[in-house]
Amino acid sequence: MDEFEMSDLGELSYFLGIEFVSTSKGIFMHQKKYAEDILKRFNMMECNSIITPTKTGIKLQIDEDKKDVDPTLYKQIVGSLRYLCNTKPDIAYCVGLISRFMEKPKTPHFLEAKRILRYVKGTLDLGILYPYSQKNIEGEVFGYSDWCGDKDDRKSTAGLSSSMARSVNGRTELEKLQSYEDDDDDNTVLHIAAETAKMIRENLD
């Protein structure tokens, strides 16, 4: 058997902008430094923070009758926020929403991106805690779908959130009713949620 030398670099503390901290409760993963760098880069470090990343029931359109904004700057903000979703699943939905308008962003899209940055400013110390092994681990799955919420193509946006041992995973997407094209939106989300719950159960067995 071939042998090779390895170096022990100690406990993982920083990797690709993601920081890891060992606590008495588990491993805490966050991107505080990366988030601060984003705010400084886009001159938002001194902005007023807010407690929600987006307004309830917000609807954005592609051809808004508003002023164009710099697409390069807009793409830079969106790209930075997308990587931040690794430790901030609470912004995943709104970042996915503004990602739809990178080709020709308008003022409302840009203002929504800045709102997310203001939310990031107020949640710099938040991240994800991966607790140490626990007995009787339980999983939960939640699904939601709006009804033809996209004003441009009348597609629905489906949301899915799963949690296991207090760790949360979530995703949102415009529904493509391929496998369940004869069902309505709510049934489609229920199918996806059931499949996710089944996968979690199989991983626990």
C-alpha atoms as a PDB file:
ATOM      1  CA  MET A   1       0.000   0.000   0.000  1.00  0.00           C
ATOM      2  CA  ASP A   2       1.355   3.422  -0.936  1.00  0.00           C
ATOM      3  CA  GLU A   3       1.961   5.871   1.881  1.00  0.00           C
ATOM      4  CA  PHE A   4       2.164   9.644   1.873  1.00  0.00           C
ATOM      5  CA  GLU A   5       2.654  12.337   4.460  1.00  0.00           C
ATOM      6  CA  MET A   6      -0.144  14.585   5.684  1.00  0.00           C
ATOM      7  CA  SER A   7      -0.022  17.786   7.684  1.00  0.00           C
ATOM      8  CA  ASP A   8      -2.389  18.387  10.572  1.00  0.00           C
ATOM      9  CA  LEU A   9      -3.632  21.956  10.151  1.00  0.00           C
ATOM     10  CA  GLY A  10      -5.802  21.818  13.247  1.00  0.00           C
ATOM     11  CA  GLU A  11      -9.513  22.487  13.457  1.00  0.00           C
ATOM     12  CA  LEU A  12     -11.141  24.125  10.473  1.00  0.00           C
ATOM     13  CA  SER A  13     -11.720  27.822  11.139  1.00  0.00           C
ATOM     14  CA  TYR A  14     -11.961  29.516   7.736  1.00  0.00           C
ATOM     15  CA  PHE A  15     -12.645  28.253   4.232  1.00  0.00           C
ATOM     16  CA  LEU A  16     -13.620  30.225   1.133  1.00  0.00           C
ATOM     17  CA  GLY A  17     -15.160  33.087   3.084  1.00  0.00           C
ATOM     18  CA  ILE A  18     -16.995  30.801   5.507  1.00  0.00           C
ATOM     19  CA  GLU A  19     -15.959  30.831   9.170  1.00  0.00           C
ATOM     20  CA  PHE A  20     -16.327  27.921  11.598  1.00  0.00           C
ATOM     21  CA  VAL A  21     -16.429  28.274  15.380  1.00  0.00           C
ATOM     22  CA  SER A  22     -16.533  25.372  17.839  1.00  0.00           C
ATOM     23  CA  THR A  23     -18.908  26.018  20.748  1.00  0.00           C
ATOM     24  CA  SER A  24     -20.228  23.946  23.626  1.00  0.00           C
ATOM     25  CA  LYS A  25     -23.431  23.327  21.654  1.00  0.00           C
ATOM     26  CA  GLY A  26     -21.959  22.509  18.258  1.00  0.00           C
ATOM     27  CA  ILE A  27     -20.233  23.968  15.205  1.00  0.00           C
ATOM     28  CA  PHE A  28     -21.306  27.508  14.347  1.00  0.00           C
ATOM     29  CA  MET A  29     -20.882  28.450  10.679  1.00  0.00           C
ATOM     30  CA  HIS A  30     -21.108  32.077   9.575  1.00  0.00           C
ATOM     31  CA  GLN A  31     -19.826  34.597   7.013  1.00  0.00           C
ATOM     32  CA  LYS A  32     -19.544  37.767   9.094  1.00  0.00           C
ATOM     33  CA  LYS A  33     -16.284  38.947   7.533  1.00  0.00           C
ATOM     34  CA  TYR A  34     -17.534  38.207   4.025  1.00  0.00           C
ATOM     35  CA  ALA A  35     -20.789  40.061   4.732  1.00  0.00           C
ATOM     36  CA  GLU A  36     -18.857  43.069   6.058  1.00  0.00           C
ATOM     37  CA  ASP A  37     -16.688  43.050   2.930  1.00  0.00           C
ATOM     38  CA  ILE A  38     -19.838  43.088   0.764  1.00  0.00           C
ATOM     39  CA  LEU A  39     -21.279  46.045   2.666  1.00  0.00           C
ATOM     40  CA  LYS A  40     -18.006  47.976   2.359  1.00  0.00           C
ATOM     41  CA  ARG A  41     -17.685  47.153  -1.334  1.00  0.00           C
ATOM     42  CA  PHE A  42     -21.127  48.569  -2.129  1.00  0.00           C
ATOM     43  CA  ASN A  43     -20.904  51.490   0.316  1.00  0.00           C
ATOM     44  CA  MET A  44     -23.601  50.107   2.613  1.00  0.00           C
ATOM     45  CA  MET A  45     -21.613  49.719   5.815  1.00  0.00           C
ATOM     46  CA  GLU A  46     -23.180  52.846   7.348  1.00  0.00           C
ATOM     47  CA  CYS A  47     -26.717  52.132   6.174  1.00  0.00           C
ATOM     48  CA  ASN A  48     -29.698  51.778   8.499  1.00  0.00           C
ATOM     49  CA  SER A  49     -30.428  48.107   9.153  1.00  0.00           C
ATOM     50  CA  ILE A  50     -33.892  46.534   8.880  1.00  0.00           C
ATOM     51  CA  ILE A  51     -35.412  43.392  10.399  1.00  0.00           C
ATOM     52  CA  THR A  52     -36.840  41.773   7.250  1.00  0.00           C
ATOM     53  CA  PRO A  53     -35.054  41.051   3.945  1.00  0.00           C
ATOM     54  CA  THR A  54     -38.073  41.866   1.791  1.00  0.00           C
ATOM     55  CA  LYS A  55     -41.616  43.168   1.999  1.00  0.00           C
ATOM     56  CA  THR A  56     -44.454  40.726   2.434  1.00  0.00           C
ATOM     57  CA  GLY A  57     -46.109  39.803  -0.853  1.00  0.00           C
ATOM     58  CA  ILE A  58     -43.694  41.802  -3.012  1.00  0.00           C
ATOM     59  CA  LYS A  59     -44.191  41.459  -6.771  1.00  0.00           C
ATOM     60  CA  LEU A  60     -41.474  42.483  -9.233  1.00  0.00           C
ATOM     61  CA  GLN A  61     -41.780  42.576 -13.025  1.00  0.00           C
ATOM     62  CA  ILE A  62     -39.292  42.343 -15.874  1.00  0.00           C
ATOM     63  CA  ASP A  63     -40.519  45.325 -17.881  1.00  0.00           C
ATOM     64  CA  GLU A  64     -41.027  47.787 -15.066  1.00  0.00           C
ATOM     65  CA  ASP A  65     -41.732  51.276 -16.415  1.00  0.00           C
ATOM     66  CA  LYS A  66     -38.820  52.632 -14.423  1.00  0.00           C
ATOM     67  CA  LYS A  67     -35.281  53.892 -14.942  1.00  0.00           C
ATOM     68  CA  ASP A  68     -32.528  51.440 -15.928  1.00  0.00           C
ATOM     69  CA  VAL A  69     -29.656  50.818 -13.515  1.00  0.00           C
ATOM     70  CA  ASP A  70     -26.072  49.689 -14.077  1.00  0.00           C
ATOM     71  CA  PRO A  71     -26.364  45.960 -14.909  1.00  0.00           C
ATOM     72  CA  THR A  72     -22.748  45.253 -13.959  1.00  0.00           C
ATOM     73  CA  LEU A  73     -23.195  46.696 -10.474  1.00  0.00           C
ATOM     74  CA  TYR A  74     -26.493  44.872 -10.066  1.00  0.00           C
ATOM     75  CA  LYS A  75     -24.949  41.537 -11.068  1.00  0.00           C
ATOM     76  CA  GLN A  76     -22.085  42.071  -8.628  1.00  0.00           C
ATOM     77  CA  ILE A  77     -24.519  42.639  -5.762  1.00  0.00           C
ATOM     78  CA  VAL A  78     -26.652  39.630  -6.665  1.00  0.00           C
ATOM     79  CA  GLY A  79     -23.631  37.373  -7.101  1.00  0.00           C
ATOM     80  CA  SER A  80     -22.237  38.400  -3.715  1.00  0.00           C
ATOM     81  CA  LEU A  81     -25.586  37.805  -2.022  1.00  0.00           C
ATOM     82  CA  ARG A  82     -26.001  34.398  -3.625  1.00  0.00           C
ATOM     83  CA  TYR A  83     -22.779  33.174  -2.001  1.00  0.00           C
ATOM     84  CA  LEU A  84     -23.912  34.612   1.316  1.00  0.00           C
ATOM     85  CA  CYS A  85     -26.950  32.302   1.172  1.00  0.00           C
ATOM     86  CA  ASN A  86     -24.635  29.454   2.238  1.00  0.00           C
ATOM     87  CA  THR A  87     -24.994  30.567   5.858  1.00  0.00           C
ATOM     88  CA  LYS A  88     -28.068  32.796   5.558  1.00  0.00           C
ATOM     89  CA  PRO A  89     -30.926  30.680   4.203  1.00  0.00           C
ATOM     90  CA  ASP A  90     -33.318  33.404   5.369  1.00  0.00           C
ATOM     91  CA  ILE A  91     -32.335  35.545   2.359  1.00  0.00           C
ATOM     92  CA  ALA A  92     -32.483  32.721  -0.187  1.00  0.00           C
ATOM     93  CA  TYR A  93     -35.994  33.535  -1.420  1.00  0.00           C
ATOM     94  CA  CYS A  94     -35.486  37.266  -1.967  1.00  0.00           C
ATOM     95  CA  VAL A  95     -32.043  36.759  -3.521  1.00  0.00           C
ATOM     96  CA  GLY A  96     -33.583  34.258  -5.900  1.00  0.00           C
ATOM     97  CA  LEU A  97     -36.279  36.802  -6.696  1.00  0.00           C
ATOM     98  CA  ILE A  98     -33.893  39.618  -7.654  1.00  0.00           C
ATOM     99  CA  SER A  99     -31.744  37.134  -9.597  1.00  0.00           C
ATOM    100  CA  ARG A 100     -34.463  36.964 -12.261  1.00  0.00           C
ATOM    101  CA  PHE A 101     -33.808  40.513 -13.427  1.00  0.00           C
ATOM    102  CA  MET A 102     -30.047  40.590 -14.045  1.00  0.00           C
ATOM    103  CA  GLU A 103     -30.386  40.995 -17.806  1.00  0.00           C
ATOM    104  CA  LYS A 104     -32.073  44.394 -17.629  1.00  0.00           C
ATOM    105  CA  PRO A 105     -32.433  45.576 -14.028  1.00  0.00           C
ATOM    106  CA  LYS A 106     -34.625  48.544 -13.178  1.00  0.00           C
ATOM    107  CA  THR A 107     -34.749  50.864 -10.179  1.00  0.00           C
ATOM    108  CA  PRO A 108     -37.261  48.726  -8.195  1.00  0.00           C
ATOM    109  CA  HIS A 109     -35.005  45.682  -8.592  1.00  0.00           C
ATOM    110  CA  PHE A 110     -31.960  47.651  -7.437  1.00  0.00           C
ATOM    111  CA  LEU A 111     -33.810  49.042  -4.420  1.00  0.00           C
ATOM    112  CA  GLU A 112     -34.848  45.532  -3.436  1.00  0.00           C
ATOM    113  CA  ALA A 113     -31.210  44.389  -3.655  1.00  0.00           C
ATOM    114  CA  LYS A 114     -30.189  47.287  -1.398  1.00  0.00           C
ATOM    115  CA  ARG A 115     -32.921  46.321   1.057  1.00  0.00           C
ATOM    116  CA  ILE A 116     -31.387  42.859   1.359  1.00  0.00           C
ATOM    117  CA  LEU A 117     -28.012  44.472   2.076  1.00  0.00           C
ATOM    118  CA  ARG A 118     -29.652  46.526   4.833  1.00  0.00           C
ATOM    119  CA  TYR A 119     -31.004  43.307   6.313  1.00  0.00           C
ATOM    120  CA  VAL A 120     -27.555  41.735   6.125  1.00  0.00           C
ATOM    121  CA  LYS A 121     -26.187  44.741   8.023  1.00  0.00           C
ATOM    122  CA  GLY A 122     -28.557  43.990  10.901  1.00  0.00           C
ATOM    123  CA  THR A 123     -27.857  40.245  11.000  1.00  0.00           C
ATOM    124  CA  LEU A 124     -24.068  40.135  10.752  1.00  0.00           C
ATOM    125  CA  ASP A 125     -23.743  37.929  13.829  1.00  0.00           C
ATOM    126  CA  LEU A 126     -26.243  35.309  12.653  1.00  0.00           C
ATOM    127  CA  GLY A 127     -25.296  32.018  11.035  1.00  0.00           C
ATOM    128  CA  ILE A 128     -26.049  28.297  11.183  1.00  0.00           C
ATOM    129  CA  LEU A 129     -25.442  26.084  14.213  1.00  0.00           C
ATOM    130  CA  TYR A 130     -24.770  22.403  13.585  1.00  0.00           C
ATOM    131  CA  PRO A 131     -25.375  20.791  16.991  1.00  0.00           C
ATOM    132  CA  TYR A 132     -23.379  17.823  18.196  1.00  0.00           C
ATOM    133  CA  SER A 133     -24.962  14.386  17.843  1.00  0.00           C
ATOM    134  CA  GLN A 134     -28.327  14.082  19.501  1.00  0.00           C
ATOM    135  CA  LYS A 135     -30.636  11.203  20.340  1.00  0.00           C
ATOM    136  CA  ASN A 136     -34.104  10.943  18.831  1.00  0.00           C
ATOM    137  CA  ILE A 137     -33.381  13.299  15.944  1.00  0.00           C
ATOM    138  CA  GLU A 138     -36.568  14.567  14.328  1.00  0.00           C
ATOM    139  CA  GLY A 139     -37.050  16.130  10.921  1.00  0.00           C
ATOM    140  CA  GLU A 140     -39.670  18.575   9.677  1.00  0.00           C
ATOM    141  CA  VAL A 141     -40.604  19.662   6.166  1.00  0.00           C
ATOM    142  CA  PHE A 142     -42.681  22.711   5.217  1.00  0.00           C
ATOM    143  CA  GLY A 143     -43.883  23.567   1.726  1.00  0.00           C
ATOM    144  CA  TYR A 144     -45.630  26.612   0.278  1.00  0.00           C
ATOM    145  CA  SER A 145     -46.705  27.865  -3.128  1.00  0.00           C
ATOM    146  CA  ASP A 146     -48.262  31.119  -4.217  1.00  0.00           C
ATOM    147  CA  TRP A 147     -50.838  31.064  -6.994  1.00  0.00           C
ATOM    148  CA  CYS A 148     -49.589  32.463 -10.320  1.00  0.00           C
ATOM    149  CA  GLY A 149     -47.506  34.947  -8.364  1.00  0.00           C
ATOM    150  CA  ASP A 150     -45.161  35.892 -11.212  1.00  0.00           C
ATOM    151  CA  LYS A 151     -46.719  38.823 -13.070  1.00  0.00           C
ATOM    152  CA  ASP A 152     -44.712  38.172 -16.237  1.00  0.00           C
ATOM    153  CA  ASP A 153     -45.456  34.514 -17.018  1.00  0.00           C
ATOM    154  CA  ARG A 154     -48.052  33.658 -14.329  1.00  0.00           C
ATOM    155  CA  LYS A 155     -45.889  30.882 -12.892  1.00  0.00           C
ATOM    156  CA  SER A 156     -46.126  30.049  -9.213  1.00  0.00           C
ATOM    157  CA  THR A 157     -43.174  30.213  -6.848  1.00  0.00           C
ATOM    158  CA  ALA A 158     -42.748  27.122  -4.702  1.00  0.00           C
ATOM    159  CA  GLY A 159     -40.910  27.214  -1.396  1.00  0.00           C
ATOM    160  CA  LEU A 160     -39.609  24.275   0.589  1.00  0.00           C
ATOM    161  CA  SER A 161     -37.936  24.255   3.993  1.00  0.00           C
ATOM    162  CA  SER A 162     -36.609  21.168   5.760  1.00  0.00           C
ATOM    163  CA  SER A 163     -35.012  20.958   9.184  1.00  0.00           C
ATOM    164  CA  MET A 164     -33.222  18.171  10.977  1.00  0.00           C
ATOM    165  CA  ALA A 165     -31.531  18.401  14.374  1.00  0.00           C
ATOM    166  CA  ARG A 166     -32.177  22.157  14.327  1.00  0.00           C
ATOM    167  CA  SER A 167     -30.277  22.577  11.048  1.00  0.00           C
ATOM    168  CA  VAL A 168     -32.324  24.208   8.302  1.00  0.00           C
ATOM    169  CA  ASN A 169     -32.233  23.786   4.555  1.00  0.00           C
ATOM    170  CA  GLY A 170     -34.482  25.686   2.181  1.00  0.00           C
ATOM    171  CA  ARG A 171     -35.037  26.415  -1.485  1.00  0.00           C
ATOM    172  CA  THR A 172     -37.442  28.303  -3.691  1.00  0.00           C
ATOM    173  CA  GLU A 173     -38.045  28.061  -7.405  1.00  0.00           C
ATOM    174  CA  LEU A 174     -40.503  28.882 -10.144  1.00  0.00           C
ATOM    175  CA  GLU A 175     -42.630  25.798 -10.486  1.00  0.00           C
ATOM    176  CA  LYS A 176     -42.289  23.722 -13.599  1.00  0.00           C
ATOM    177  CA  LEU A 177     -45.188  21.291 -13.491  1.00  0.00           C
ATOM    178  CA  GLN A 178     -43.477  18.469 -15.370  1.00  0.00           C
ATOM    179  CA  SER A 179     -43.824  15.378 -13.196  1.00  0.00           C
ATOM    180  CA  TYR A 180     -47.160  16.520 -11.779  1.00  0.00           C
ATOM    181  CA  GLU A 181     -48.554  18.515 -14.670  1.00  0.00           C
ATOM    182  CA  ASP A 182     -52.105  17.347 -13.979  1.00  0.00           C
ATOM    183  CA  ASP A 183     -52.013  18.540 -10.357  1.00  0.00           C
ATOM    184  CA  ASP A 184     -52.530  21.987  -8.943  1.00  0.00           C
ATOM    185  CA  ASP A 185     -49.714  23.968  -7.331  1.00  0.00           C
ATOM    186  CA  ASP A 186     -50.457  22.934  -3.745  1.00  0.00           C
ATOM    187  CA  ASN A 187     -50.413  19.248  -4.623  1.00  0.00           C
ATOM    188  CA  THR A 188     -47.127  19.687  -6.481  1.00  0.00           C
ATOM    189  CA  VAL A 189     -45.470  21.189  -3.413  1.00  0.00           C
ATOM    190  CA  LEU A 190     -46.887  18.397  -1.262  1.00  0.00           C
ATOM    191  CA  HIS A 191     -45.333  15.826  -3.606  1.00  0.00           C
ATOM    192  CA  ILE A 192     -41.930  17.541  -3.398  1.00  0.00           C
ATOM    193  CA  ALA A 193     -42.180  17.902   0.386  1.00  0.00           C
ATOM    194  CA  ALA A 194     -43.073  14.223   0.756  1.00  0.00           C
ATOM    195  CA  GLU A 195     -40.108  13.186  -1.388  1.00  0.00           C
ATOM    196  CA  THR A 196     -37.803  15.367   0.725  1.00  0.00           C
ATOM    197  CA  ALA A 197     -39.161  13.896   3.968  1.00  0.00           C
ATOM    198  CA  LYS A 198     -38.635  10.402   2.580  1.00  0.00           C
ATOM    199  CA  MET A 199     -35.025  11.213   1.677  1.00  0.00           C
ATOM    200  CA  ILE A 200     -34.367  12.588   5.197  1.00  0.00           C
ATOM    201  CA  ARG A 201     -35.876   9.444   6.740  1.00  0.00           C
ATOM    202  CA  GLU A 202     -33.725   7.178   4.549  1.00  0.00           C
ATOM    203  CA  ASN A 203     -30.583   9.098   5.547  1.00  0.00           C
ATOM    204  CA  LEU A 204     -31.436   8.657   9.233  1.00  0.00           C
ATOM    205  CA  ASP A 205     -32.000   4.888   8.926  1.00  0.00           C
END
